[in-house]
Protein backbone atom coordinates (compact mmCIF):
# COMPACT_ATOMS: atom_id res chain seq x y z
CA VAL A 1 17.22 9.78 -15.28
CA HIS A 2 16.79 9.65 -11.73
CA VAL A 3 13.57 12.61 -11.28
CA MET A 4 16.30 14.72 -8.42
CA ILE A 5 18.24 15.17 -11.42
CA ALA A 6 16.08 15.76 -13.84
CA SER A 7 13.83 17.99 -11.89
CA PHE A 8 17.58 20.72 -11.39
CA ALA A 9 18.20 20.13 -14.71
CA ALA A 10 14.39 21.11 -15.81
CA ALA A 11 14.84 24.18 -13.51
CA PHE A 12 18.38 25.26 -14.70
CA VAL A 13 16.95 25.25 -18.10
CA VAL A 14 13.97 27.77 -16.14
CA THR A 15 16.93 29.68 -14.55
CA ILE A 16 18.40 30.68 -17.44
CA LEU A 17 15.75 31.25 -20.23
CA ALA A 18 14.11 33.18 -17.98
CA GLY A 19 17.27 35.10 -17.38
CA LEU A 20 16.95 34.65 -13.31
CA PRO A 21 19.91 34.36 -11.24
CA ILE A 22 22.04 31.39 -10.92
CA THR A 23 22.99 31.07 -7.85
CA ASP A 24 19.91 32.96 -5.61
CA SER A 25 17.57 31.30 -7.95
CA LEU A 26 19.18 27.11 -7.90
CA ILE A 27 20.36 27.35 -4.36
CA THR A 28 18.22 29.87 -2.98
CA VAL A 29 14.56 29.32 -4.22
CA PHE A 30 15.23 25.61 -5.98
CA PHE A 31 16.94 23.73 -2.76
CA THR A 32 14.83 25.58 -0.63
CA ARG A 33 11.48 25.21 -1.60
CA PHE A 34 12.60 21.63 -2.68
CA GLY A 35 13.52 21.39 1.62
CA SER A 36 9.75 22.33 2.03
CA ILE A 37 8.06 19.83 0.43
CA VAL A 38 10.65 16.82 1.74
CA ALA A 39 9.85 18.59 5.19
CA SER A 40 6.02 19.48 5.32
CA LEU A 41 6.11 15.17 3.61
CA PHE A 42 8.43 13.32 5.52
CA PRO A 43 6.20 13.13 9.25
CA MET A 44 4.30 10.87 7.17
CA PHE A 45 6.71 8.51 6.36
CA LEU A 46 8.48 8.50 9.49
CA PHE A 47 5.86 7.22 11.51
CA GLY A 48 4.11 6.09 7.99
CA ALA A 49 7.20 3.20 8.19
CA ILE A 50 7.40 2.81 11.64
CA LEU A 51 3.87 1.65 11.48
CA ALA A 52 4.47 -0.14 8.75
CA LYS A 53 7.51 -2.27 9.96
CA LEU A 54 4.81 -3.17 12.78
CA TYR A 55 2.51 -4.56 11.41
CA THR A 56 5.39 -6.56 9.32
CA SER A 57 6.91 -7.92 12.41
CA SER A 58 4.08 -8.47 14.32
CA GLY A 59 2.56 -10.66 11.33
CA ALA A 60 -0.59 -8.47 12.17
CA ALA A 61 0.22 -7.55 7.61
CA GLY A 62 0.23 -11.30 6.97
CA SER A 63 -2.90 -11.74 9.45
CA ILE A 64 -4.89 -9.48 7.22
CA ALA A 65 -3.72 -10.50 3.91
CA ASP A 66 -4.77 -14.42 4.69
CA SER A 67 -7.94 -14.29 6.36
CA ILE A 68 -9.88 -12.31 3.47
CA CYS A 69 -7.76 -14.17 0.78
CA ASN A 70 -9.23 -17.50 2.62
CA THR A 71 -12.58 -16.30 3.74
CA MET A 72 -13.69 -15.55 -0.32
CA PHE A 73 -11.54 -17.54 -2.31
CA ARG A 74 -14.43 -20.19 -1.81
CA GLY A 75 -17.40 -22.35 -3.78
CA ALA A 76 -15.96 -20.44 -7.52
CA LYS A 77 -18.02 -23.06 -9.83
CA THR A 78 -16.07 -22.57 -12.75
CA ASP A 79 -12.96 -21.64 -14.36
CA ARG A 80 -13.30 -18.25 -15.16
CA GLY A 81 -14.53 -17.27 -12.20
CA ARG A 82 -11.66 -18.87 -9.87
CA TYR A 83 -9.55 -16.85 -12.08
CA ALA A 84 -11.97 -14.03 -10.80
CA LEU A 85 -11.62 -14.57 -7.34
CA GLY A 86 -7.94 -15.38 -6.94
CA PHE A 87 -7.40 -11.82 -8.00
CA LEU A 88 -10.20 -10.27 -6.65
CA THR A 89 -8.16 -11.71 -3.23
CA VAL A 90 -5.34 -10.42 -3.92
CA ILE A 91 -6.88 -6.94 -4.85
CA ILE A 92 -8.83 -6.72 -2.33
CA ALA A 93 -6.37 -7.93 0.35
CA SER A 94 -3.54 -5.12 -0.59
CA ALA A 95 -5.61 -2.18 -0.65
CA ILE A 96 -6.97 -2.68 2.60
CA LEU A 97 -3.31 -3.05 4.00
CA CYS A 98 -2.50 0.34 1.54
CA TYR A 99 -6.24 2.31 2.86
CA GLY A 100 -4.09 0.97 7.01
CA GLY A 101 -1.73 3.65 5.68
CA ILE A 102 0.91 0.24 5.04
CA ASN A 103 3.58 1.49 2.55
CA ALA A 104 2.75 -0.14 -1.03
CA ALA A 105 5.60 -1.01 -1.76
CA VAL A 106 5.60 -2.98 2.26
CA ALA A 107 1.84 -3.93 1.25
CA LEU A 108 3.21 -5.76 -2.07
CA ILE A 109 6.08 -7.64 0.06
CA ALA A 110 3.62 -8.76 2.67
CA ILE A 111 1.13 -10.03 -0.67
CA TYR A 112 3.46 -11.72 -2.54
CA PRO A 113 3.28 -15.47 -0.39
CA ILE A 114 -0.19 -15.34 0.35
CA ALA A 115 -0.85 -14.74 -4.23
CA LEU A 116 1.58 -17.40 -4.60
CA GLY A 117 -0.91 -19.71 -2.22
CA VAL A 118 -4.33 -18.49 -4.24
CA PHE A 119 -2.05 -18.47 -8.10
CA ARG A 120 -1.28 -21.88 -7.06
CA ARG A 121 -4.93 -23.09 -6.22
CA ALA A 122 -6.68 -21.20 -8.43
CA GLY A 123 -4.22 -22.63 -11.56
CA ILE A 124 -3.31 -19.16 -12.61
CA PRO A 125 0.12 -18.44 -14.00
CA LYS A 126 2.42 -16.96 -11.35
CA ARG A 127 2.80 -14.03 -13.93
CA PHE A 128 -0.24 -12.36 -13.14
CA ILE A 129 1.00 -11.88 -9.69
CA MET A 130 2.33 -8.63 -9.84
CA GLY A 131 -0.31 -6.75 -12.05
CA ALA A 132 -2.77 -8.54 -9.28
CA ILE A 133 -0.67 -6.51 -6.29
CA CYS A 134 -0.15 -4.13 -7.45
CA GLY A 135 -4.35 -3.32 -9.25
CA GLY A 136 -4.47 -3.06 -5.39
CA ALA A 137 -1.95 -1.78 -3.62
CA PHE A 138 -1.04 1.29 -6.74
CA THR A 139 -4.53 2.36 -7.23
CA PHE A 140 -7.56 3.44 -5.25
CA ALA A 141 -5.97 2.12 -2.83
CA LEU A 142 -3.75 5.33 -3.23
CA SER A 143 -6.18 8.06 -3.42
CA GLY A 144 -9.86 7.18 -2.93
CA PRO A 145 -11.53 8.73 -0.45
CA GLY A 146 -10.60 8.24 3.23
CA SER A 147 -7.63 7.01 2.02
CA PRO A 148 -4.21 7.71 4.01
CA GLN A 149 -1.41 7.96 1.64
CA PRO A 150 0.57 10.33 0.56
CA THR A 151 -1.43 10.35 -2.74
CA ASN A 152 -4.64 11.67 -2.32
CA VAL A 153 -2.98 13.84 1.28
CA VAL A 154 -1.62 16.73 -0.71
CA GLY A 155 -4.25 17.00 -2.33
CA MET A 156 -5.92 18.18 0.92
CA ALA A 157 -3.76 21.75 0.90
CA ILE A 158 -5.73 23.56 -1.39
CA GLY A 159 -8.68 22.71 1.63
CA THR A 160 -10.62 19.81 0.77
CA SER A 161 -11.64 16.81 3.07
CA SER A 162 -9.61 13.58 2.59
CA TYR A 163 -12.77 11.94 0.91
CA CYS A 164 -12.91 15.42 -1.26
CA GLY A 165 -15.90 13.90 -3.73
CA LEU A 166 -17.12 10.61 -1.96
CA VAL A 167 -19.50 9.32 -4.53
CA ALA A 168 -17.56 9.75 -7.29
CA GLY A 169 -14.42 7.78 -5.48
CA LEU A 170 -16.90 5.05 -5.21
CA VAL A 171 -17.95 5.38 -8.53
CA GLY A 172 -14.37 5.38 -9.75
CA MET A 173 -13.31 2.25 -7.23
CA LEU A 174 -15.89 0.17 -8.87
CA VAL A 175 -15.00 0.77 -11.59
CA GLU A 176 -11.70 0.10 -11.48
CA ILE A 177 -11.80 -3.01 -10.19
CA SER A 178 -14.05 -4.22 -12.34
CA VAL A 179 -12.05 -3.14 -15.42
CA MET A 180 -9.43 -5.03 -13.59
CA LEU A 181 -10.68 -8.04 -12.38
CA LEU A 182 -12.45 -8.36 -16.47
CA VAL A 183 -8.61 -7.54 -18.40
CA PHE A 184 -6.69 -9.95 -15.96
CA THR A 185 -9.46 -12.70 -15.81
CA ARG A 186 -9.08 -12.07 -20.46
CA LEU A 187 -5.85 -12.61 -20.05
CA THR A 188 -5.63 -15.81 -17.54
CA VAL A 189 -7.74 -17.70 -20.57
CA ARG A 190 -6.84 -16.76 -22.60
CA ALA A 191 -2.64 -17.98 -21.30
CA THR A 192 -4.16 -21.24 -20.42
CA ALA A 193 -6.79 -22.11 -23.31
CA ARG A 194 -2.39 -21.98 -24.48
CA GLY A 195 -1.71 -24.89 -21.18
CA GLU A 196 0.52 -21.40 -19.19
CA THR A 197 -0.68 -23.15 -15.52
CA PHE A 198 0.97 -21.89 -11.64
CA VAL A 199 4.29 -22.92 -11.55
CA ALA A 200 6.66 -21.06 -8.63
CA GLY A 201 10.25 -20.29 -8.94
CA PRO A 202 13.27 -21.44 -7.43
CA LYS A 203 13.22 -18.91 -4.99
CA ASP A 204 8.76 -18.78 -3.91
CA VAL A 205 8.30 -19.08 -0.37
CA PHE A 206 5.05 -19.47 0.17
CA ALA A 207 3.15 -18.46 3.08
CA GLU A 208 2.78 -21.33 5.68
CA ASP A 209 -0.61 -21.23 8.36
CA SER A 210 0.57 -20.08 11.66
CA SER A 211 -1.04 -19.45 15.73
CA SER A 212 1.64 -16.68 16.44
CA LYS A 213 0.95 -14.23 14.35
CA PRO A 214 -2.11 -11.83 15.63
CA GLY A 215 -5.81 -12.49 14.88
CA PHE A 216 -7.50 -11.01 11.96
CA PHE A 217 -9.69 -9.01 14.53
CA VAL A 218 -7.08 -7.48 16.45
CA SER A 219 -5.33 -7.09 12.98
CA LEU A 220 -7.53 -4.27 12.25
CA ILE A 221 -7.65 -2.35 14.68
CA PRO A 222 -5.10 -0.41 14.04
CA ILE A 223 -6.26 0.58 10.77
CA ILE A 224 -9.62 1.28 12.08
CA ALA A 225 -8.49 3.15 14.59
CA LEU A 226 -6.12 5.23 11.96
CA LEU A 227 -9.53 5.53 9.47
CA VAL A 228 -11.67 7.35 12.13
CA ILE A 229 -8.86 9.27 13.38
CA PHE A 230 -8.37 10.64 10.32
CA ASN A 231 -11.03 10.84 8.16
CA VAL A 232 -13.70 10.91 11.38
CA LEU A 233 -11.97 13.45 13.71
CA GLY A 234 -10.07 15.42 10.96
CA VAL A 235 -6.51 14.70 12.43
CA ASP A 236 -3.46 15.81 11.34
CA ILE A 237 -2.73 12.43 9.21
CA ALA A 238 1.12 13.06 10.17
CA LEU A 239 -0.39 13.02 14.64
CA SER A 240 -3.11 10.62 12.73
CA ILE A 241 -0.48 7.67 11.99
CA LEU A 242 1.59 8.18 14.65
CA ILE A 243 -1.44 8.00 17.33
CA THR A 244 -2.07 4.38 15.31
CA SER A 245 1.58 3.09 15.67
CA VAL A 246 1.62 3.99 19.53
CA ILE A 247 -1.44 2.08 19.63
CA ALA A 248 0.03 -0.83 17.18
CA ALA A 249 2.89 -0.80 19.44
CA LEU A 250 0.49 -0.91 22.48
CA ILE A 251 -1.24 -3.88 20.68
CA PHE A 252 1.79 -5.66 19.75
CA LEU A 253 4.24 -5.75 22.84
CA PRO A 254 2.88 -8.91 24.69
CA ARG A 255 3.80 -10.34 20.69
CA LEU A 256 6.99 -8.70 19.60
CA GLY A 257 8.54 -7.73 22.95
CA PHE A 258 9.62 -3.98 24.27
CA LYS A 259 12.69 -5.97 22.03
CA GLY A 260 11.08 -6.76 18.26
CA VAL A 261 9.00 -3.41 19.12
CA LEU A 262 11.97 -0.57 20.17
CA LEU A 263 13.57 -2.35 16.16
CA ALA A 264 11.11 -2.21 14.29
CA VAL A 265 10.68 1.29 15.11
CA ASN A 266 14.63 1.61 15.24
CA THR A 267 13.91 -0.31 11.51
CA GLY A 268 10.84 1.62 10.46
CA ALA A 269 12.64 5.16 10.56
CA ALA A 270 15.20 4.53 8.97
CA SER A 271 13.53 3.01 5.97
CA SER A 272 11.60 6.27 5.95
CA LEU A 273 14.39 8.43 4.91
């Protein structure tokens, strides 16, 4: 059952058991409070979706992921080491995009074609790709210190900073990454011992090297700007992402053109709903 329907059903049960007036409790109280939550978070989703679309349309998201993978994926001398390094490149690339304010679902789409190439090169069975991407996009990148993702931001409502629990958070991130690498590598060793190997699906599209994408360091500028504006200057997250979106639009304007930027903004705004 969809969470919106389930939450309404729960509110209905509470209303009945507590003997509260049904109309006032469900319509006035429940939906008013529900709407206030949506309204408070919507600017962050709106500008975040626009920023994500600018990154995917310009190829900047793919440029970051591709550069991270190519840089890290080198020189493993054993099968186990090659497996661990393959997983690590995908996890880190996914996490960097999410720490840059890119929606986790968008990061998943951007990383997948690159992860295919990494896994093929490492000889890791394809079925572990989603675990590796989610290991970077849906874990410490959402709740780690300084993350601009909603999971970390909503906690600031009680007065804490965006990097609250910095040391413990960094230790937790290292533990998460270590455990994921240990588990993924062990599962892959077992799978390959049974004869499994990488086999691409009929609809899989591998990332292609292209000089048309923005450079790695140019692509990082909006991400760095967001982290500084949000964590160092303490600007509200919605305004931080708005400023970052403007920076990204200006940087990617020569590549996308005015119409391309406008299309990215419109598409991103629509998808934020």
